[in-house]
C-alpha atoms as a PDB file:
ATOM      1  CA  MET A   1      -7.114  22.969   5.252  1.00  0.00           C
ATOM      2  CA  ASP A   2      -7.573  20.490   2.579  1.00  0.00           C
ATOM      3  CA  VAL A   3      -3.865  20.496   1.740  1.00  0.00           C
ATOM      4  CA  VAL A   4      -2.773  20.781   5.644  1.00  0.00           C
ATOM      5  CA  PHE A   5      -4.526  17.585   5.611  1.00  0.00           C
ATOM      6  CA  LEU A   6      -3.466  16.059   2.500  1.00  0.00           C
ATOM      7  CA  LEU A   7       0.403  17.053   3.516  1.00  0.00           C
ATOM      8  CA  MET A   8      -0.274  15.103   6.944  1.00  0.00           C
ATOM      9  CA  VAL A   9      -1.824  11.878   5.379  1.00  0.00           C
ATOM     10  CA  GLY A  10       1.759  12.184   3.096  1.00  0.00           C
ATOM     11  CA  ALA A  11       3.826  12.171   6.102  1.00  0.00           C
ATOM     12  CA  ILE A  12       2.092   9.712   8.056  1.00  0.00           C
ATOM     13  CA  ALA A  13       2.037   7.354   5.156  1.00  0.00           C
ATOM     14  CA  GLY A  14       5.792   8.160   4.468  1.00  0.00           C
ATOM     15  CA  THR A  15       6.822   7.395   7.782  1.00  0.00           C
ATOM     16  CA  LEU A  16       4.813   4.041   7.793  1.00  0.00           C
ATOM     17  CA  ALA A  17       6.185   3.154   4.336  1.00  0.00           C
ATOM     18  CA  GLY A  18       9.754   3.403   5.540  1.00  0.00           C
ATOM     19  CA  LEU A  19       9.277   1.976   8.983  1.00  0.00           C
ATOM     20  CA  LEU A  20       7.244  -1.049   8.274  1.00  0.00           C
ATOM     21  CA  GLY A  21       7.565  -1.804   4.410  1.00  0.00           C
ATOM     22  CA  VAL A  22       3.528  -1.475   3.943  1.00  0.00           C
ATOM     23  CA  GLY A  23       3.492   1.248   1.418  1.00  0.00           C
ATOM     24  CA  GLY A  24       1.474   3.488   3.030  1.00  0.00           C
ATOM     25  CA  GLY A  25      -1.520   2.732   1.391  1.00  0.00           C
ATOM     26  CA  ILE A  26      -3.712   1.421   4.243  1.00  0.00           C
ATOM     27  CA  ILE A  27      -3.412   4.863   5.710  1.00  0.00           C
ATOM     28  CA  ILE A  28      -3.770   6.992   2.310  1.00  0.00           C
ATOM     29  CA  VAL A  29      -6.999   4.870   1.029  1.00  0.00           C
ATOM     30  CA  PRO A  30      -9.254   5.180   3.877  1.00  0.00           C
ATOM     31  CA  LEU A  31      -8.184   9.091   4.877  1.00  0.00           C
ATOM     32  CA  LEU A  32      -8.837   9.949   1.057  1.00  0.00           C
ATOM     33  CA  VAL A  33     -12.178   8.344   1.469  1.00  0.00           C
ATOM     34  CA  VAL A  34     -13.060  10.480   4.002  1.00  0.00           C
ATOM     35  CA  PHE A  35     -11.195  13.479   2.187  1.00  0.00           C
ATOM     36  CA  PHE A  36     -13.151  12.899  -1.186  1.00  0.00           C
ATOM     37  CA  ASN A  37     -16.595  12.514   0.650  1.00  0.00           C
ATOM     38  CA  SER A  38     -16.323  15.898   2.302  1.00  0.00           C
ATOM     39  CA  GLN A  39     -15.710  17.250  -1.556  1.00  0.00           C
ATOM     40  CA  GLY A  40     -18.912  15.629  -2.498  1.00  0.00           C
ATOM     41  CA  VAL A  41     -17.310  13.236  -5.056  1.00  0.00           C
ATOM     42  CA  ASN A  42     -19.993  10.670  -6.237  1.00  0.00           C
ATOM     43  CA  ILE A  43     -19.885   7.146  -4.533  1.00  0.00           C
ATOM     44  CA  ASP A  44     -19.684   5.222  -7.714  1.00  0.00           C
ATOM     45  CA  VAL A  45     -16.148   6.653  -8.222  1.00  0.00           C
ATOM     46  CA  LEU A  46     -15.049   7.700  -4.848  1.00  0.00           C
ATOM     47  CA  MET A  47     -13.330   4.349  -3.781  1.00  0.00           C
ATOM     48  CA  HIS A  48     -11.791   4.036  -7.412  1.00  0.00           C
ATOM     49  CA  VAL A  49     -10.324   7.401  -7.164  1.00  0.00           C
ATOM     50  CA  ALA A  50      -8.955   6.744  -3.823  1.00  0.00           C
ATOM     51  CA  ILE A  51      -7.458   3.878  -4.655  1.00  0.00           C
ATOM     52  CA  GLY A  52      -5.877   4.748  -7.912  1.00  0.00           C
ATOM     53  CA  THR A  53      -4.428   7.760  -6.153  1.00  0.00           C
ATOM     54  CA  SER A  54      -2.843   5.768  -3.359  1.00  0.00           C
ATOM     55  CA  LEU A  55      -1.314   3.555  -5.820  1.00  0.00           C
ATOM     56  CA  ALA A  56       0.432   6.615  -7.972  1.00  0.00           C
ATOM     57  CA  THR A  57       1.679   8.150  -4.434  1.00  0.00           C
ATOM     58  CA  ILE A  58       3.261   4.646  -3.727  1.00  0.00           C
ATOM     59  CA  VAL A  59       5.104   4.641  -6.827  1.00  0.00           C
ATOM     60  CA  VAL A  60       7.268   8.016  -5.573  1.00  0.00           C
ATOM     61  CA  THR A  61       7.364   6.836  -1.874  1.00  0.00           C
ATOM     62  CA  SER A  62       8.560   3.243  -2.598  1.00  0.00           C
ATOM     63  CA  LEU A  63      11.470   5.225  -4.711  1.00  0.00           C
ATOM     64  CA  SER A  64      12.374   6.832  -1.691  1.00  0.00           C
ATOM     65  CA  SER A  65      12.156   3.927   0.753  1.00  0.00           C
ATOM     66  CA  ILE A  66      14.415   1.592  -1.546  1.00  0.00           C
ATOM     67  CA  TYR A  67      17.208   4.044  -1.518  1.00  0.00           C
ATOM     68  CA  ALA A  68      17.138   4.561   2.132  1.00  0.00           C
ATOM     69  CA  HIS A  69      16.937   0.475   2.641  1.00  0.00           C
ATOM     70  CA  HIS A  70      19.647   0.314  -0.111  1.00  0.00           C
ATOM     71  CA  GLN A  71      21.890   2.604   2.119  1.00  0.00           C
ATOM     72  CA  HIS A  72      21.833  -0.032   5.206  1.00  0.00           C
ATOM     73  CA  GLY A  73      22.239  -2.832   2.558  1.00  0.00           C
ATOM     74  CA  ALA A  74      19.029  -4.471   3.488  1.00  0.00           C
ATOM     75  CA  ILE A  75      17.071  -5.297   0.411  1.00  0.00           C
ATOM     76  CA  ASP A  76      17.293  -8.683  -1.052  1.00  0.00           C
ATOM     77  CA  TRP A  77      17.646  -7.863  -4.767  1.00  0.00           C
ATOM     78  CA  PRO A  78      17.663 -11.424  -5.686  1.00  0.00           C
ATOM     79  CA  VAL A  79      14.345 -12.111  -3.980  1.00  0.00           C
ATOM     80  CA  PHE A  80      13.007  -8.798  -5.368  1.00  0.00           C
ATOM     81  CA  LYS A  81      13.672  -9.576  -8.962  1.00  0.00           C
ATOM     82  CA  ILE A  82      12.138 -12.927  -8.927  1.00  0.00           C
ATOM     83  CA  MET A  83       9.085 -11.680  -7.119  1.00  0.00           C
ATOM     84  CA  SER A  84       8.632  -8.312  -9.173  1.00  0.00           C
ATOM     85  CA  ILE A  85       7.465 -10.334 -12.304  1.00  0.00           C
ATOM     86  CA  GLY A  86       4.595 -11.833 -10.255  1.00  0.00           C
ATOM     87  CA  VAL A  87       3.405  -8.596  -8.330  1.00  0.00           C
ATOM     88  CA  PHE A  88       3.488  -6.189 -11.716  1.00  0.00           C
ATOM     89  CA  THR A  89       1.325  -8.774 -13.808  1.00  0.00           C
ATOM     90  CA  GLY A  90      -0.904  -8.988 -10.281  1.00  0.00           C
ATOM     91  CA  GLY A  91      -1.028  -5.342 -10.289  1.00  0.00           C
ATOM     92  CA  LEU A  92      -2.315  -5.066 -13.800  1.00  0.00           C
ATOM     93  CA  PHE A  93      -4.931  -7.740 -13.121  1.00  0.00           C
ATOM     94  CA  GLY A  94      -6.008  -6.249  -9.719  1.00  0.00           C
ATOM     95  CA  ALA A  95      -6.773  -2.662 -11.515  1.00  0.00           C
ATOM     96  CA  PHE A  96      -8.594  -4.606 -14.075  1.00  0.00           C
ATOM     97  CA  ILE A  97     -10.974  -6.518 -11.340  1.00  0.00           C
ATOM     98  CA  ALA A  98     -11.342  -3.254  -9.476  1.00  0.00           C
ATOM     99  CA  ASN A  99     -13.028  -1.571 -12.365  1.00  0.00           C
ATOM    100  CA  PHE A 100     -15.941  -3.974 -12.157  1.00  0.00           C
ATOM    101  CA  ILE A 101     -16.509  -3.673  -8.480  1.00  0.00           C
ATOM    102  CA  SER A 102     -19.159  -1.219  -7.303  1.00  0.00           C
ATOM    103  CA  GLY A 103     -17.782   1.587  -5.299  1.00  0.00           C
ATOM    104  CA  GLU A 104     -20.050   0.422  -2.119  1.00  0.00           C
ATOM    105  CA  ASN A 105     -18.831  -3.011  -2.270  1.00  0.00           C
ATOM    106  CA  LEU A 106     -15.075  -1.901  -2.965  1.00  0.00           C
ATOM    107  CA  LYS A 107     -15.615   0.408   0.008  1.00  0.00           C
ATOM    108  CA  ILE A 108     -17.008  -2.641   2.353  1.00  0.00           C
ATOM    109  CA  THR A 109     -14.376  -5.177   0.966  1.00  0.00           C
ATOM    110  CA  PHE A 110     -11.491  -2.581   1.791  1.00  0.00           C
ATOM    111  CA  SER A 111     -13.025  -2.584   5.488  1.00  0.00           C
ATOM    112  CA  ILE A 112     -12.756  -6.006   5.783  1.00  0.00           C
ATOM    113  CA  PHE A 113      -9.329  -6.255   4.375  1.00  0.00           C
ATOM    114  CA  LEU A 114      -8.535  -3.662   6.994  1.00  0.00           C
ATOM    115  CA  LEU A 115      -9.835  -5.747   9.824  1.00  0.00           C
ATOM    116  CA  PHE A 116      -7.593  -8.917   8.471  1.00  0.00           C
ATOM    117  CA  ILE A 117      -4.815  -6.691   8.341  1.00  0.00           C
ATOM    118  CA  SER A 118      -5.256  -4.911  11.610  1.00  0.00           C
ATOM    119  CA  MET A 119      -5.533  -8.695  13.339  1.00  0.00           C
ATOM    120  CA  GLN A 120      -1.936  -9.728  11.393  1.00  0.00           C
ATOM    121  CA  MET A 121      -0.534  -6.867  12.633  1.00  0.00           C
ATOM    122  CA  PHE A 122      -1.303  -7.072  16.225  1.00  0.00           C
ATOM    123  CA  PHE A 123      -0.783 -10.574  16.752  1.00  0.00           C
ATOM    124  CA  GLY A 124       2.399 -10.666  14.190  1.00  0.00           C
ATOM    125  CA  GLY A 125       4.744 -11.228  16.779  1.00  0.00           C
ATOM    126  CA  LYS A 126       3.887 -15.066  16.965  1.00  0.00           C
ATOM    127  CA  ILE A 127       4.433 -16.033  13.813  1.00  0.00           C
ATOM    128  CA  LYS A 128       7.322 -18.087  13.327  1.00  0.00           C
ATOM    129  CA  ALA A 129       9.792 -18.707  10.355  1.00  0.00           C
ATOM    130  CA  HIS A 130       9.809 -22.614   9.582  1.00  0.00           C
ATOM    131  CA  ARG A 131      10.573 -22.848   6.042  1.00  0.00           C
ATOM    132  CA  LYS A 132      12.769 -21.695   3.212  1.00  0.00           C
ATOM    133  CA  LEU A 133      11.394 -19.606   0.063  1.00  0.00           C
ATOM    134  CA  PRO A 134       9.972 -21.597  -2.627  1.00  0.00           C
ATOM    135  CA  LYS A 135      11.243 -22.350  -6.131  1.00  0.00           C
ATOM    136  CA  PRO A 136      11.350 -19.451  -8.709  1.00  0.00           C
ATOM    137  CA  ARG A 137       7.905 -20.596 -10.124  1.00  0.00           C
ATOM    138  CA  GLY A 138       6.573 -20.189  -6.621  1.00  0.00           C
ATOM    139  CA  ILE A 139       7.626 -17.116  -5.679  1.00  0.00           C
ATOM    140  CA  VAL A 140       6.167 -15.492  -8.840  1.00  0.00           C
ATOM    141  CA  LEU A 141       2.843 -17.303  -8.116  1.00  0.00           C
ATOM    142  CA  VAL A 142       2.900 -15.709  -4.685  1.00  0.00           C
ATOM    143  CA  GLY A 143       3.653 -12.194  -6.183  1.00  0.00           C
ATOM    144  CA  THR A 144       0.990 -12.391  -8.550  1.00  0.00           C
ATOM    145  CA  ILE A 145      -1.523 -13.395  -5.637  1.00  0.00           C
ATOM    146  CA  ILE A 146       0.111 -10.134  -3.572  1.00  0.00           C
ATOM    147  CA  GLY A 147       0.209  -7.859  -6.311  1.00  0.00           C
ATOM    148  CA  SER A 148      -3.573  -8.454  -7.470  1.00  0.00           C
ATOM    149  CA  ILE A 149      -4.801  -8.217  -3.934  1.00  0.00           C
ATOM    150  CA  SER A 150      -2.900  -5.112  -3.368  1.00  0.00           C
ATOM    151  CA  SER A 151      -3.825  -3.473  -6.443  1.00  0.00           C
ATOM    152  CA  VAL A 152      -7.590  -3.745  -5.652  1.00  0.00           C
ATOM    153  CA  MET A 153      -6.589  -2.158  -2.423  1.00  0.00           C
ATOM    154  CA  GLY A 154      -4.619   0.593  -3.121  1.00  0.00           C
ATOM    155  CA  VAL A 155      -1.835  -0.791  -0.954  1.00  0.00           C
ATOM    156  CA  GLY A 156       1.761  -1.391  -1.769  1.00  0.00           C
ATOM    157  CA  GLY A 157       1.741  -5.138  -0.599  1.00  0.00           C
ATOM    158  CA  GLY A 158       3.894  -4.965   2.682  1.00  0.00           C
ATOM    159  CA  SER A 159       1.334  -6.402   4.909  1.00  0.00           C
ATOM    160  CA  MET A 160       1.395  -9.525   3.093  1.00  0.00           C
ATOM    161  CA  SER A 161       4.920  -9.528   1.685  1.00  0.00           C
ATOM    162  CA  VAL A 162       6.512  -8.913   4.986  1.00  0.00           C
ATOM    163  CA  PRO A 163       4.590 -11.874   6.980  1.00  0.00           C
ATOM    164  CA  PHE A 164       5.513 -14.237   3.884  1.00  0.00           C
ATOM    165  CA  LEU A 165       9.053 -13.244   3.527  1.00  0.00           C
ATOM    166  CA  THR A 166       9.643 -13.640   7.227  1.00  0.00           C
ATOM    167  CA  TRP A 167       7.898 -16.925   7.220  1.00  0.00           C
ATOM    168  CA  CYS A 168      10.233 -18.168   4.725  1.00  0.00           C
ATOM    169  CA  ASN A 169      13.272 -17.077   7.343  1.00  0.00           C
ATOM    170  CA  ILE A 170      14.182 -14.044   6.151  1.00  0.00           C
ATOM    171  CA  ASN A 171      15.057 -11.592   8.924  1.00  0.00           C
ATOM    172  CA  ILE A 172      12.394  -9.093   9.659  1.00  0.00           C
ATOM    173  CA  ARG A 173      14.255  -5.888   8.723  1.00  0.00           C
ATOM    174  CA  ASN A 174      15.664  -7.398   5.382  1.00  0.00           C
ATOM    175  CA  ALA A 175      11.512  -8.381   4.877  1.00  0.00           C
ATOM    176  CA  ILE A 176      10.875  -4.865   5.447  1.00  0.00           C
ATOM    177  CA  ALA A 177      13.349  -3.398   3.193  1.00  0.00           C
ATOM    178  CA  THR A 178      12.475  -5.924   0.467  1.00  0.00           C
ATOM    179  CA  SER A 179       8.814  -5.200   0.564  1.00  0.00           C
ATOM    180  CA  SER A 180       9.410  -1.573   0.450  1.00  0.00           C
ATOM    181  CA  ALA A 181      10.992  -2.499  -3.253  1.00  0.00           C
ATOM    182  CA  ILE A 182       8.380  -5.044  -4.021  1.00  0.00           C
ATOM    183  CA  GLY A 183       5.886  -2.207  -3.611  1.00  0.00           C
ATOM    184  CA  PHE A 184       7.528  -0.271  -6.836  1.00  0.00           C
ATOM    185  CA  PRO A 185       6.117  -2.664  -9.474  1.00  0.00           C
ATOM    186  CA  ILE A 186       2.851  -3.373  -7.884  1.00  0.00           C
ATOM    187  CA  ALA A 187       2.327   0.466  -7.503  1.00  0.00           C
ATOM    188  CA  VAL A 188       3.621   1.211 -11.231  1.00  0.00           C
ATOM    189  CA  SER A 189       1.332  -1.741 -12.870  1.00  0.00           C
ATOM    190  CA  GLY A 190      -1.513  -0.797 -10.652  1.00  0.00           C
ATOM    191  CA  THR A 191      -1.321   2.894 -11.220  1.00  0.00           C
ATOM    192  CA  LEU A 192      -1.383   2.239 -15.267  1.00  0.00           C
ATOM    193  CA  GLY A 193      -4.064   0.302 -14.583  1.00  0.00           C
ATOM    194  CA  PHE A 194      -6.195   2.749 -13.067  1.00  0.00           C
ATOM    195  CA  ILE A 195      -5.248   5.327 -15.137  1.00  0.00           C
ATOM    196  CA  VAL A 196      -6.278   3.571 -18.603  1.00  0.00           C
ATOM    197  CA  LEU A 197      -9.360   2.019 -17.099  1.00  0.00           C
ATOM    198  CA  GLY A 198     -10.604   5.446 -15.450  1.00  0.00           C
ATOM    199  CA  LEU A 199     -10.123   7.476 -18.488  1.00  0.00           C
ATOM    200  CA  ALA A 200     -14.005   7.579 -20.052  1.00  0.00           C
ATOM    201  CA  VAL A 201     -15.444   7.158 -16.600  1.00  0.00           C
ATOM    202  CA  PRO A 202     -17.989  10.010 -15.439  1.00  0.00           C
ATOM    203  CA  ASN A 203     -18.325  11.894 -12.281  1.00  0.00           C
ATOM    204  CA  ARG A 204     -14.795  11.827 -11.408  1.00  0.00           C
ATOM    205  CA  PRO A 205     -13.418  14.622  -9.237  1.00  0.00           C
ATOM    206  CA  GLU A 206     -11.735  17.612 -11.443  1.00  0.00           C
ATOM    207  CA  LEU A 207      -7.805  17.832 -12.267  1.00  0.00           C
ATOM    208  CA  SER A 208      -7.905  13.838 -12.568  1.00  0.00           C
ATOM    209  CA  ILE A 209      -6.305  11.709 -15.091  1.00  0.00           C
ATOM    210  CA  GLY A 210      -8.361   8.182 -15.132  1.00  0.00           C
ATOM    211  CA  TYR A 211      -8.736   7.240 -11.707  1.00  0.00           C
ATOM    212  CA  ILE A 212      -5.662   9.502 -10.159  1.00  0.00           C
ATOM    213  CA  ASN A 213      -6.592  12.835  -8.594  1.00  0.00           C
ATOM    214  CA  LEU A 214      -3.679  15.210  -9.396  1.00  0.00           C
ATOM    215  CA  PRO A 215      -3.882  17.596  -6.701  1.00  0.00           C
ATOM    216  CA  ALA A 216      -4.064  14.852  -4.018  1.00  0.00           C
ATOM    217  CA  PHE A 217      -1.162  12.844  -5.189  1.00  0.00           C
ATOM    218  CA  ILE A 218       1.105  15.944  -5.679  1.00  0.00           C
ATOM    219  CA  SER A 219       0.410  16.832  -2.062  1.00  0.00           C
ATOM    220  CA  ILE A 220       0.545  13.471  -0.675  1.00  0.00           C
ATOM    221  CA  VAL A 221       3.726  12.998  -2.361  1.00  0.00           C
ATOM    222  CA  ILE A 222       5.543  16.051  -1.333  1.00  0.00           C
ATOM    223  CA  SER A 223       5.512  15.184   2.380  1.00  0.00           C
ATOM    224  CA  SER A 224       5.760  11.427   1.906  1.00  0.00           C
ATOM    225  CA  VAL A 225       9.001  11.548   0.089  1.00  0.00           C
ATOM    226  CA  MET A 226      10.445  13.655   3.080  1.00  0.00           C
ATOM    227  CA  PHE A 227       9.241  11.182   5.725  1.00  0.00           C
ATOM    228  CA  ALA A 228       9.761   7.913   3.886  1.00  0.00           C
ATOM    229  CA  PRO A 229      13.682   8.098   4.776  1.00  0.00           C
ATOM    230  CA  LEU A 230      12.974   8.839   8.449  1.00  0.00           C
ATOM    231  CA  GLY A 231      10.808   5.729   8.422  1.00  0.00           C
ATOM    232  CA  ALA A 232      13.292   3.433   7.216  1.00  0.00           C
ATOM    233  CA  LYS A 233      16.047   4.763   9.582  1.00  0.00           C
ATOM    234  CA  MET A 234      13.693   4.147  12.398  1.00  0.00           C
ATOM    235  CA  ALA A 235      13.113   0.563  10.953  1.00  0.00           C
ATOM    236  CA  HIS A 236      16.932  -0.113  11.654  1.00  0.00           C
ATOM    237  CA  ARG A 237      16.991   1.640  15.319  1.00  0.00           C
ATOM    238  CA  ILE A 238      13.990   0.254  16.980  1.00  0.00           C
ATOM    239  CA  SER A 239      11.470  -2.518  17.964  1.00  0.00           C
ATOM    240  CA  THR A 240       8.418  -2.298  15.902  1.00  0.00           C
ATOM    241  CA  VAL A 241       6.106  -4.648  17.879  1.00  0.00           C
ATOM    242  CA  TYR A 242       4.494  -2.335  19.933  1.00  0.00           C
ATOM    243  CA  LEU A 243       4.146  -0.160  17.036  1.00  0.00           C
ATOM    244  CA  ASN A 244       2.529  -2.785  15.332  1.00  0.00           C
ATOM    245  CA  ARG A 245       0.250  -3.073  17.693  1.00  0.00           C
ATOM    246  CA  LEU A 246      -0.953   0.509  18.220  1.00  0.00           C
ATOM    247  CA  PHE A 247      -1.099   0.683  14.444  1.00  0.00           C
ATOM    248  CA  ALA A 248      -3.611  -2.334  14.541  1.00  0.00           C
ATOM    249  CA  VAL A 249      -5.803  -0.454  16.761  1.00  0.00           C
ATOM    250  CA  PHE A 250      -5.881   1.991  14.746  1.00  0.00           C
ATOM    251  CA  LEU A 251      -6.663   0.145  11.398  1.00  0.00           C
ATOM    252  CA  LEU A 252      -9.521  -1.424  13.291  1.00  0.00           C
ATOM    253  CA  MET A 253     -10.987   1.995  14.319  1.00  0.00           C
ATOM    254  CA  VAL A 254     -10.647   3.020  10.701  1.00  0.00           C
ATOM    255  CA  ALA A 255     -12.149  -0.160   9.507  1.00  0.00           C
ATOM    256  CA  LEU A 256     -15.144  -0.283  12.001  1.00  0.00           C
ATOM    257  CA  ARG A 257     -16.115   3.769  11.097  1.00  0.00           C
ATOM    258  CA  MET A 258     -15.687   2.951   7.063  1.00  0.00           C
ATOM    259  CA  PHE A 259     -17.928  -0.483   7.322  1.00  0.00           C
ATOM    260  CA  ILE A 260     -20.595   1.333   9.649  1.00  0.00           C
ATOM    261  CA  SER A 261     -20.757   4.271   7.339  1.00  0.00           C
END
């Protein structure tokens, strides 16, 4: 049953990663919290392991999404090349910050983050693009901020990079595709940080490298890689407005459950 649950998490996360360019972490982290809590993992490391494992899965899932979106010619590679410098640096910095936040405070912080993202996704259709991309230094700075927050929260950054890119007059489909690519350097740097910083930490679940739990990582990756191309294909065929709002309600429910518990 544990394996089935993790495979379902991967399938949902992979589909959403391809469809919305969100990396899947906003689904993976809260569900891993539920999973590791049921396994009796110590609260001091529970959130760190959930976030680290989520970032590790995004490394693989994002590659699958990148390939699918590249087949449609939707990724803005010049923007990605500049922004990836900032998000990679931010990813390392975010992992460093997360290591010094207690598990309980990290849980509360993530709950608040989910509330914010749910509101953003629900009302996202009302954001109007009204400017161009900033200069390269500005893009790197924005990328560093997005990378730092994403690494602390264990997400691919799409919930922030997609609104930023659309705000800068980039087509929503291109923004989603480019965001999927941006999730890769965030996940790589964040994963490296969570591995190194978690190596000497006690009370981690068995079969973990740093804060990365290998059984959960493998189970989620198997199904997420299969479903990410499906989400990417859907992103180029259907409107995501209603799905965004349904997903926002789901995030709100998850956030409230995590916050209350």
